[in-house]
Amino acid sequence: MRILLTNDDGYNAPGILALYETLSADHEVLLIAPDREKSAVSHGISLNQPMRIHTIPLDNGRQGYGISGTPADCVKLGLFELCPSKPDLIISGINPGCNTGVDINYSGTVGAAREGALNRIFSIAVSIRKSEKPMDFKGMSGFIAGLTGKIHDFDLPDRTFLNINAPDLPMDTVQGVRITRQAQENVSKQFEKRLDPKNRFYYWYGTVSRNDGETDTDLHALAHNCISITPIQCDLTDYKTMERLCSIPIGSRP
């Protein structure tokens, strides 16, 4: 299988290197990732500055690519400039820190997988909940390697991708796998207000206690030490509201 591997933490992040080591044993893997951390850039692309590509050596003697752009840029450049042939699969991750609930909208990890889905390629975003415990990147890489063999032929709807999150546990202690929906909790509401040496205020996003949500959500699965797999669609149209709006005499429509 031909796999394009990317992330939002940079090409030398431990999560992507663990995935590369595991997957390249059985697949043709091309690593194309940002040349520095690009967390929380969502699906942004670089319009006002040039993007540069440089080769990076990998442990198995092959080469990957570092891009001076966003995760979505990496996928675009990979598909249309760097990949010798169309990949069968795009994997973004492994991200240190879960991408669940409303956080999905801010995530560069998810943005890269969404870009793959927009180009009609089976795509997966992979994250592990971050805590003081060591993250089992190797174990999660093994899980993803096994999963890709099971679901690659699954007929996902057009422009739909999978968002996968694991708890901060050794993989052999995870309590199962749940198919979930995106929780609707918005966590980006609290700020820490601080004072700099010149008596000017500045702000950091504050620490938030996460509600585990309703029982069928990604947050609830992680709270109960399960891996969550959430299908995410790129089409944001609210079709029910579209039908209702069409029944209102708003004005002349062609």
C-alpha atoms as a PDB file:
ATOM      1  CA  MET A   1       0.000   0.000   0.000  1.00  0.00           C
ATOM      2  CA  ARG A   2       1.232   3.533  -0.767  1.00  0.00           C
ATOM      3  CA  ILE A   3       0.876   5.791   2.275  1.00  0.00           C
ATOM      4  CA  LEU A   4       1.437   9.541   2.594  1.00  0.00           C
ATOM      5  CA  LEU A   5       2.345  10.307   6.209  1.00  0.00           C
ATOM      6  CA  THR A   6       2.106  13.813   7.697  1.00  0.00           C
ATOM      7  CA  ASN A   7       1.354  15.674  10.943  1.00  0.00           C
ATOM      8  CA  ASP A   8       1.237  19.147  12.513  1.00  0.00           C
ATOM      9  CA  ASP A   9       4.164  18.717  14.952  1.00  0.00           C
ATOM     10  CA  GLY A  10       7.034  18.578  12.483  1.00  0.00           C
ATOM     11  CA  TYR A  11       8.856  15.805  10.663  1.00  0.00           C
ATOM     12  CA  ASN A  12      11.017  14.868  13.662  1.00  0.00           C
ATOM     13  CA  ALA A  13       8.150  14.479  16.178  1.00  0.00           C
ATOM     14  CA  PRO A  14       8.118  11.095  17.963  1.00  0.00           C
ATOM     15  CA  GLY A  15       4.559  10.274  16.879  1.00  0.00           C
ATOM     16  CA  ILE A  16       5.180  10.491  13.158  1.00  0.00           C
ATOM     17  CA  LEU A  17       8.530   8.708  13.437  1.00  0.00           C
ATOM     18  CA  ALA A  18       6.908   5.816  15.308  1.00  0.00           C
ATOM     19  CA  LEU A  19       4.250   5.521  12.601  1.00  0.00           C
ATOM     20  CA  TYR A  20       6.878   5.664   9.882  1.00  0.00           C
ATOM     21  CA  GLU A  21       8.968   2.921  11.477  1.00  0.00           C
ATOM     22  CA  THR A  22       5.967   0.615  11.907  1.00  0.00           C
ATOM     23  CA  LEU A  23       4.263   1.205   8.562  1.00  0.00           C
ATOM     24  CA  SER A  24       7.362   1.249   6.351  1.00  0.00           C
ATOM     25  CA  ALA A  25       8.082  -2.375   7.293  1.00  0.00           C
ATOM     26  CA  ASP A  26       5.153  -3.494   5.098  1.00  0.00           C
ATOM     27  CA  HIS A  27       4.159  -0.486   3.006  1.00  0.00           C
ATOM     28  CA  GLU A  28       5.596   2.168   0.714  1.00  0.00           C
ATOM     29  CA  VAL A  29       5.537   5.212   3.004  1.00  0.00           C
ATOM     30  CA  LEU A  30       6.386   8.789   2.035  1.00  0.00           C
ATOM     31  CA  LEU A  31       6.831  11.170   4.977  1.00  0.00           C
ATOM     32  CA  ILE A  32       5.930  14.785   4.124  1.00  0.00           C
ATOM     33  CA  ALA A  33       5.525  17.021   7.164  1.00  0.00           C
ATOM     34  CA  PRO A  34       6.014  20.610   8.335  1.00  0.00           C
ATOM     35  CA  ASP A  35       9.586  21.638   9.105  1.00  0.00           C
ATOM     36  CA  ARG A  36       8.423  23.000  12.502  1.00  0.00           C
ATOM     37  CA  GLU A  37       5.446  22.716  14.806  1.00  0.00           C
ATOM     38  CA  LYS A  38       2.190  23.888  13.212  1.00  0.00           C
ATOM     39  CA  SER A  39      -0.353  22.982  15.888  1.00  0.00           C
ATOM     40  CA  ALA A  40      -3.845  24.520  15.876  1.00  0.00           C
ATOM     41  CA  VAL A  41      -3.568  25.936  12.339  1.00  0.00           C
ATOM     42  CA  SER A  42      -6.730  24.070  11.329  1.00  0.00           C
ATOM     43  CA  HIS A  43      -7.036  23.769   7.524  1.00  0.00           C
ATOM     44  CA  GLY A  44      -4.982  26.878   6.796  1.00  0.00           C
ATOM     45  CA  ILE A  45      -2.833  27.115   3.674  1.00  0.00           C
ATOM     46  CA  SER A  46       0.076  29.413   2.841  1.00  0.00           C
ATOM     47  CA  LEU A  47      -1.094  32.146   0.471  1.00  0.00           C
ATOM     48  CA  ASN A  48       1.118  35.087   1.456  1.00  0.00           C
ATOM     49  CA  GLN A  49       4.524  33.450   1.687  1.00  0.00           C
ATOM     50  CA  PRO A  50       6.448  30.952  -0.436  1.00  0.00           C
ATOM     51  CA  MET A  51       6.703  27.307   0.571  1.00  0.00           C
ATOM     52  CA  ARG A  52      10.074  25.603   0.503  1.00  0.00           C
ATOM     53  CA  ILE A  53      10.756  21.883   0.357  1.00  0.00           C
ATOM     54  CA  HIS A  54      13.874  20.249   1.752  1.00  0.00           C
ATOM     55  CA  THR A  55      14.776  16.584   1.936  1.00  0.00           C
ATOM     56  CA  ILE A  56      15.296  14.884   5.302  1.00  0.00           C
ATOM     57  CA  PRO A  57      17.157  11.608   5.921  1.00  0.00           C
ATOM     58  CA  LEU A  58      15.222   8.804   7.620  1.00  0.00           C
ATOM     59  CA  ASP A  59      16.594   5.900   9.655  1.00  0.00           C
ATOM     60  CA  ASN A  60      16.031   3.276   6.973  1.00  0.00           C
ATOM     61  CA  GLY A  61      18.163   5.166   4.450  1.00  0.00           C
ATOM     62  CA  ARG A  62      15.182   6.622   2.627  1.00  0.00           C
ATOM     63  CA  GLN A  63      14.303  10.281   2.475  1.00  0.00           C
ATOM     64  CA  GLY A  64      11.289  12.326   3.437  1.00  0.00           C
ATOM     65  CA  TYR A  65      10.394  15.964   3.009  1.00  0.00           C
ATOM     66  CA  GLY A  66      10.135  18.935   5.359  1.00  0.00           C
ATOM     67  CA  ILE A  67       7.804  21.715   4.189  1.00  0.00           C
ATOM     68  CA  SER A  68       7.822  25.339   5.324  1.00  0.00           C
ATOM     69  CA  GLY A  69       4.042  25.366   5.355  1.00  0.00           C
ATOM     70  CA  THR A  70       0.969  24.005   7.080  1.00  0.00           C
ATOM     71  CA  PRO A  71      -0.224  20.392   7.355  1.00  0.00           C
ATOM     72  CA  ALA A  72      -2.738  21.010   4.564  1.00  0.00           C
ATOM     73  CA  ASP A  73       0.100  22.435   2.432  1.00  0.00           C
ATOM     74  CA  CYS A  74       2.058  19.234   3.031  1.00  0.00           C
ATOM     75  CA  VAL A  75      -0.797  17.124   1.689  1.00  0.00           C
ATOM     76  CA  LYS A  76      -1.317  19.382  -1.335  1.00  0.00           C
ATOM     77  CA  LEU A  77       2.380  19.472  -2.226  1.00  0.00           C
ATOM     78  CA  GLY A  78       2.615  15.762  -1.614  1.00  0.00           C
ATOM     79  CA  LEU A  79      -0.257  14.918  -3.924  1.00  0.00           C
ATOM     80  CA  PHE A  80       0.580  17.307  -6.733  1.00  0.00           C
ATOM     81  CA  GLU A  81       4.378  17.690  -6.589  1.00  0.00           C
ATOM     82  CA  LEU A  82       6.149  15.006  -4.563  1.00  0.00           C
ATOM     83  CA  CYS A  83       4.266  11.700  -4.695  1.00  0.00           C
ATOM     84  CA  PRO A  84       5.419   9.576  -7.660  1.00  0.00           C
ATOM     85  CA  SER A  85       1.917   8.086  -7.789  1.00  0.00           C
ATOM     86  CA  LYS A  86      -1.392   8.646  -6.019  1.00  0.00           C
ATOM     87  CA  PRO A  87      -1.306   7.294  -2.444  1.00  0.00           C
ATOM     88  CA  ASP A  88      -3.833   4.733  -1.298  1.00  0.00           C
ATOM     89  CA  LEU A  89      -3.994   6.236   2.172  1.00  0.00           C
ATOM     90  CA  ILE A  90      -3.128   9.459   4.003  1.00  0.00           C
ATOM     91  CA  ILE A  91      -2.389   9.321   7.741  1.00  0.00           C
ATOM     92  CA  SER A  92      -1.916  12.451   9.835  1.00  0.00           C
ATOM     93  CA  GLY A  93      -0.333  11.983  13.262  1.00  0.00           C
ATOM     94  CA  ILE A  94       0.311  10.648  15.760  1.00  0.00           C
ATOM     95  CA  ASN A  95      -0.553  13.885  17.539  1.00  0.00           C
ATOM     96  CA  PRO A  96       0.411  14.262  21.233  1.00  0.00           C
ATOM     97  CA  GLY A  97      -2.901  15.560  22.544  1.00  0.00           C
ATOM     98  CA  CYS A  98      -6.409  14.452  21.646  1.00  0.00           C
ATOM     99  CA  ASN A  99      -8.430  16.108  18.900  1.00  0.00           C
ATOM    100  CA  THR A 100     -11.999  15.604  20.037  1.00  0.00           C
ATOM    101  CA  GLY A 101     -15.219  17.599  20.254  1.00  0.00           C
ATOM    102  CA  VAL A 102     -15.065  21.159  18.983  1.00  0.00           C
ATOM    103  CA  ASP A 103     -11.250  21.011  19.110  1.00  0.00           C
ATOM    104  CA  ILE A 104     -11.458  19.183  15.776  1.00  0.00           C
ATOM    105  CA  ASN A 105     -12.131  22.540  14.115  1.00  0.00           C
ATOM    106  CA  TYR A 106      -8.801  23.980  15.298  1.00  0.00           C
ATOM    107  CA  SER A 107      -6.587  20.963  14.684  1.00  0.00           C
ATOM    108  CA  GLY A 108      -3.842  20.962  12.075  1.00  0.00           C
ATOM    109  CA  THR A 109      -3.698  17.170  12.398  1.00  0.00           C
ATOM    110  CA  VAL A 110      -7.349  16.923  11.409  1.00  0.00           C
ATOM    111  CA  GLY A 111      -6.904  19.610   8.735  1.00  0.00           C
ATOM    112  CA  ALA A 112      -4.365  17.442   6.918  1.00  0.00           C
ATOM    113  CA  ALA A 113      -6.709  14.434   6.930  1.00  0.00           C
ATOM    114  CA  ARG A 114      -9.558  16.629   5.722  1.00  0.00           C
ATOM    115  CA  GLU A 115      -7.392  17.816   2.826  1.00  0.00           C
ATOM    116  CA  GLY A 116      -6.814  14.209   1.863  1.00  0.00           C
ATOM    117  CA  ALA A 117     -10.542  13.479   1.968  1.00  0.00           C
ATOM    118  CA  LEU A 118     -11.288  16.535  -0.170  1.00  0.00           C
ATOM    119  CA  ASN A 119      -9.032  14.952  -2.792  1.00  0.00           C
ATOM    120  CA  ARG A 120     -10.974  11.671  -2.508  1.00  0.00           C
ATOM    121  CA  ILE A 121      -8.224   9.711  -0.763  1.00  0.00           C
ATOM    122  CA  PHE A 122      -8.936   7.512   2.262  1.00  0.00           C
ATOM    123  CA  SER A 123      -7.585   9.594   5.144  1.00  0.00           C
ATOM    124  CA  ILE A 124      -7.102   9.169   8.897  1.00  0.00           C
ATOM    125  CA  ALA A 125      -6.197  11.619  11.685  1.00  0.00           C
ATOM    126  CA  VAL A 126      -4.575   9.955  14.726  1.00  0.00           C
ATOM    127  CA  SER A 127      -4.062  11.418  18.215  1.00  0.00           C
ATOM    128  CA  ILE A 128      -3.298  10.308  21.776  1.00  0.00           C
ATOM    129  CA  ARG A 129      -4.605  12.088  24.863  1.00  0.00           C
ATOM    130  CA  LYS A 130      -1.789  14.054  26.476  1.00  0.00           C
ATOM    131  CA  SER A 131      -0.996  13.776  30.190  1.00  0.00           C
ATOM    132  CA  GLU A 132       1.965  13.382  32.505  1.00  0.00           C
ATOM    133  CA  LYS A 133       2.175   9.718  31.477  1.00  0.00           C
ATOM    134  CA  PRO A 134       4.431   8.618  28.602  1.00  0.00           C
ATOM    135  CA  MET A 135       2.473   8.237  25.383  1.00  0.00           C
ATOM    136  CA  ASP A 136       2.537   4.790  23.772  1.00  0.00           C
ATOM    137  CA  PHE A 137       3.343   5.897  20.222  1.00  0.00           C
ATOM    138  CA  LYS A 138       4.725   2.477  19.327  1.00  0.00           C
ATOM    139  CA  GLY A 139       1.624   0.666  20.542  1.00  0.00           C
ATOM    140  CA  MET A 140      -0.693   3.109  18.776  1.00  0.00           C
ATOM    141  CA  SER A 141       1.340   2.718  15.585  1.00  0.00           C
ATOM    142  CA  GLY A 142       0.774  -1.019  15.777  1.00  0.00           C
ATOM    143  CA  PHE A 143      -2.953  -0.469  16.229  1.00  0.00           C
ATOM    144  CA  ILE A 144      -3.098   1.840  13.197  1.00  0.00           C
ATOM    145  CA  ALA A 145      -1.093  -0.637  11.104  1.00  0.00           C
ATOM    146  CA  GLY A 146      -3.606  -3.352  11.931  1.00  0.00           C
ATOM    147  CA  LEU A 147      -6.564  -1.064  11.374  1.00  0.00           C
ATOM    148  CA  THR A 148      -5.458   0.062   7.915  1.00  0.00           C
ATOM    149  CA  GLY A 149      -5.470  -3.536   6.715  1.00  0.00           C
ATOM    150  CA  LYS A 150      -9.010  -4.053   8.017  1.00  0.00           C
ATOM    151  CA  ILE A 151     -10.731  -0.885   6.816  1.00  0.00           C
ATOM    152  CA  HIS A 152      -8.900   0.326   3.732  1.00  0.00           C
ATOM    153  CA  ASP A 153     -11.445  -1.347   1.466  1.00  0.00           C
ATOM    154  CA  PHE A 154     -14.348   0.012   3.525  1.00  0.00           C
ATOM    155  CA  ASP A 155     -16.484   2.219   1.301  1.00  0.00           C
ATOM    156  CA  LEU A 156     -16.390   5.551   3.128  1.00  0.00           C
ATOM    157  CA  PRO A 157     -18.775   8.172   1.744  1.00  0.00           C
ATOM    158  CA  ASP A 158     -17.221  10.714  -0.583  1.00  0.00           C
ATOM    159  CA  ARG A 159     -15.170  13.331   1.294  1.00  0.00           C
ATOM    160  CA  THR A 160     -15.446  11.602   4.662  1.00  0.00           C
ATOM    161  CA  PHE A 161     -12.423  10.693   6.802  1.00  0.00           C
ATOM    162  CA  LEU A 162     -11.771   9.026  10.164  1.00  0.00           C
ATOM    163  CA  ASN A 163     -10.671  10.856  13.302  1.00  0.00           C
ATOM    164  CA  ILE A 164      -9.060   8.444  15.773  1.00  0.00           C
ATOM    165  CA  ASN A 165      -8.153   9.226  19.391  1.00  0.00           C
ATOM    166  CA  ALA A 166      -6.556   6.992  22.016  1.00  0.00           C
ATOM    167  CA  PRO A 167      -6.362   7.349  25.808  1.00  0.00           C
ATOM    168  CA  ASP A 168      -3.031   8.017  27.522  1.00  0.00           C
ATOM    169  CA  LEU A 169      -2.462   4.349  28.374  1.00  0.00           C
ATOM    170  CA  PRO A 170      -0.243   1.501  27.206  1.00  0.00           C
ATOM    171  CA  MET A 171      -2.073  -0.025  24.268  1.00  0.00           C
ATOM    172  CA  ASP A 172      -2.423  -3.397  25.993  1.00  0.00           C
ATOM    173  CA  THR A 173      -4.488  -1.779  28.784  1.00  0.00           C
ATOM    174  CA  VAL A 174      -6.938   0.093  26.535  1.00  0.00           C
ATOM    175  CA  GLN A 175     -10.504  -0.995  27.285  1.00  0.00           C
ATOM    176  CA  GLY A 176     -11.762  -1.308  23.719  1.00  0.00           C
ATOM    177  CA  VAL A 177     -12.667   0.589  20.558  1.00  0.00           C
ATOM    178  CA  ARG A 178     -15.839   2.637  20.117  1.00  0.00           C
ATOM    179  CA  ILE A 179     -17.380   4.153  17.000  1.00  0.00           C
ATOM    180  CA  THR A 180     -18.384   7.625  18.155  1.00  0.00           C
ATOM    181  CA  ARG A 181     -19.717  11.011  17.154  1.00  0.00           C
ATOM    182  CA  GLN A 182     -18.043  14.364  17.739  1.00  0.00           C
ATOM    183  CA  ALA A 183     -18.899  15.877  21.110  1.00  0.00           C
ATOM    184  CA  GLN A 184     -20.146  19.454  20.968  1.00  0.00           C
ATOM    185  CA  GLU A 185     -18.294  20.805  23.998  1.00  0.00           C
ATOM    186  CA  ASN A 186     -16.396  24.046  23.307  1.00  0.00           C
ATOM    187  CA  VAL A 187     -13.366  24.157  25.588  1.00  0.00           C
ATOM    188  CA  SER A 188     -11.702  27.355  24.350  1.00  0.00           C
ATOM    189  CA  LYS A 189     -13.476  29.717  26.730  1.00  0.00           C
ATOM    190  CA  GLN A 190     -11.134  30.165  29.690  1.00  0.00           C
ATOM    191  CA  PHE A 191      -8.030  32.344  29.772  1.00  0.00           C
ATOM    192  CA  GLU A 192      -5.194  33.017  32.176  1.00  0.00           C
ATOM    193  CA  LYS A 193      -4.605  36.770  32.408  1.00  0.00           C
ATOM    194  CA  ARG A 194      -1.011  37.677  33.278  1.00  0.00           C
ATOM    195  CA  LEU A 195       1.109  40.796  33.593  1.00  0.00           C
ATOM    196  CA  ASP A 196       4.416  41.249  31.784  1.00  0.00           C
ATOM    197  CA  PRO A 197       7.445  43.161  33.197  1.00  0.00           C
ATOM    198  CA  LYS A 198       6.147  46.351  31.548  1.00  0.00           C
ATOM    199  CA  ASN A 199       2.763  46.066  33.297  1.00  0.00           C
ATOM    200  CA  ARG A 200       0.939  45.045  30.127  1.00  0.00           C
ATOM    201  CA  PHE A 201      -1.605  42.258  30.161  1.00  0.00           C
ATOM    202  CA  TYR A 202      -1.257  39.125  28.075  1.00  0.00           C
ATOM    203  CA  TYR A 203      -3.308  35.947  27.871  1.00  0.00           C
ATOM    204  CA  TRP A 204      -2.895  32.165  27.655  1.00  0.00           C
ATOM    205  CA  TYR A 205      -5.652  29.677  27.080  1.00  0.00           C
ATOM    206  CA  GLY A 206      -6.423  28.247  30.509  1.00  0.00           C
ATOM    207  CA  THR A 207      -6.528  24.680  31.764  1.00  0.00           C
ATOM    208  CA  VAL A 208      -9.960  23.188  31.223  1.00  0.00           C
ATOM    209  CA  SER A 209     -11.603  20.223  32.914  1.00  0.00           C
ATOM    210  CA  ARG A 210     -13.204  18.133  30.185  1.00  0.00           C
ATOM    211  CA  ASN A 211     -16.763  16.895  30.483  1.00  0.00           C
ATOM    212  CA  ASP A 212     -16.944  13.329  29.201  1.00  0.00           C
ATOM    213  CA  GLY A 213     -20.107  14.160  27.236  1.00  0.00           C
ATOM    214  CA  GLU A 214     -22.937  11.880  26.234  1.00  0.00           C
ATOM    215  CA  THR A 215     -22.271   8.179  26.013  1.00  0.00           C
ATOM    216  CA  ASP A 216     -21.824   7.987  22.231  1.00  0.00           C
ATOM    217  CA  THR A 217     -19.203  10.750  21.927  1.00  0.00           C
ATOM    218  CA  ASP A 218     -15.451  10.771  21.396  1.00  0.00           C
ATOM    219  CA  LEU A 219     -14.930  12.474  24.765  1.00  0.00           C
ATOM    220  CA  HIS A 220     -16.912   9.798  26.593  1.00  0.00           C
ATOM    221  CA  ALA A 221     -14.921   7.009  24.934  1.00  0.00           C
ATOM    222  CA  LEU A 222     -11.607   8.523  26.026  1.00  0.00           C
ATOM    223  CA  ALA A 223     -12.912   9.157  29.544  1.00  0.00           C
ATOM    224  CA  HIS A 224     -13.595   5.412  29.751  1.00  0.00           C
ATOM    225  CA  ASN A 225     -10.144   4.498  28.410  1.00  0.00           C
ATOM    226  CA  CYS A 226     -11.350   3.437  24.964  1.00  0.00           C
ATOM    227  CA  ILE A 227     -10.116   4.367  21.511  1.00  0.00           C
ATOM    228  CA  SER A 228     -12.657   6.476  19.633  1.00  0.00           C
ATOM    229  CA  ILE A 229     -13.138   6.339  15.865  1.00  0.00           C
ATOM    230  CA  THR A 230     -15.300   9.162  14.510  1.00  0.00           C
ATOM    231  CA  PRO A 231     -16.266   9.536  10.831  1.00  0.00           C
ATOM    232  CA  ILE A 232     -16.049  13.237   9.888  1.00  0.00           C
ATOM    233  CA  GLN A 233     -17.590  14.695   6.731  1.00  0.00           C
ATOM    234  CA  CYS A 234     -16.181  17.665   4.836  1.00  0.00           C
ATOM    235  CA  ASP A 235     -19.536  18.942   3.546  1.00  0.00           C
ATOM    236  CA  LEU A 236     -20.703  21.505   6.136  1.00  0.00           C
ATOM    237  CA  THR A 237     -24.043  22.210   4.484  1.00  0.00           C
ATOM    238  CA  ASP A 238     -27.058  21.960   6.804  1.00  0.00           C
ATOM    239  CA  TYR A 239     -29.466  20.362   4.335  1.00  0.00           C
ATOM    240  CA  LYS A 240     -32.493  20.444   6.653  1.00  0.00           C
ATOM    241  CA  THR A 241     -32.112  24.194   7.159  1.00  0.00           C
ATOM    242  CA  MET A 242     -31.526  24.610   3.434  1.00  0.00           C
ATOM    243  CA  GLU A 243     -34.917  23.026   2.740  1.00  0.00           C
ATOM    244  CA  ARG A 244     -36.612  25.235   5.343  1.00  0.00           C
ATOM    245  CA  LEU A 245     -35.023  28.386   3.930  1.00  0.00           C
ATOM    246  CA  CYS A 246     -36.262  27.494   0.461  1.00  0.00           C
ATOM    247  CA  SER A 247     -39.838  27.611   1.810  1.00  0.00           C
ATOM    248  CA  ILE A 248     -39.493  31.211   3.014  1.00  0.00           C
ATOM    249  CA  PRO A 249     -40.399  34.028   0.568  1.00  0.00           C
ATOM    250  CA  ILE A 250     -37.035  35.755   0.997  1.00  0.00           C
ATOM    251  CA  GLY A 251     -37.204  37.377  -2.429  1.00  0.00           C
ATOM    252  CA  SER A 252     -36.925  36.508  -6.047  1.00  0.00           C
ATOM    253  CA  ARG A 253     -34.638  33.581  -6.730  1.00  0.00           C
ATOM    254  CA  PRO A 254     -33.589  32.343 -10.143  1.00  0.00           C
END
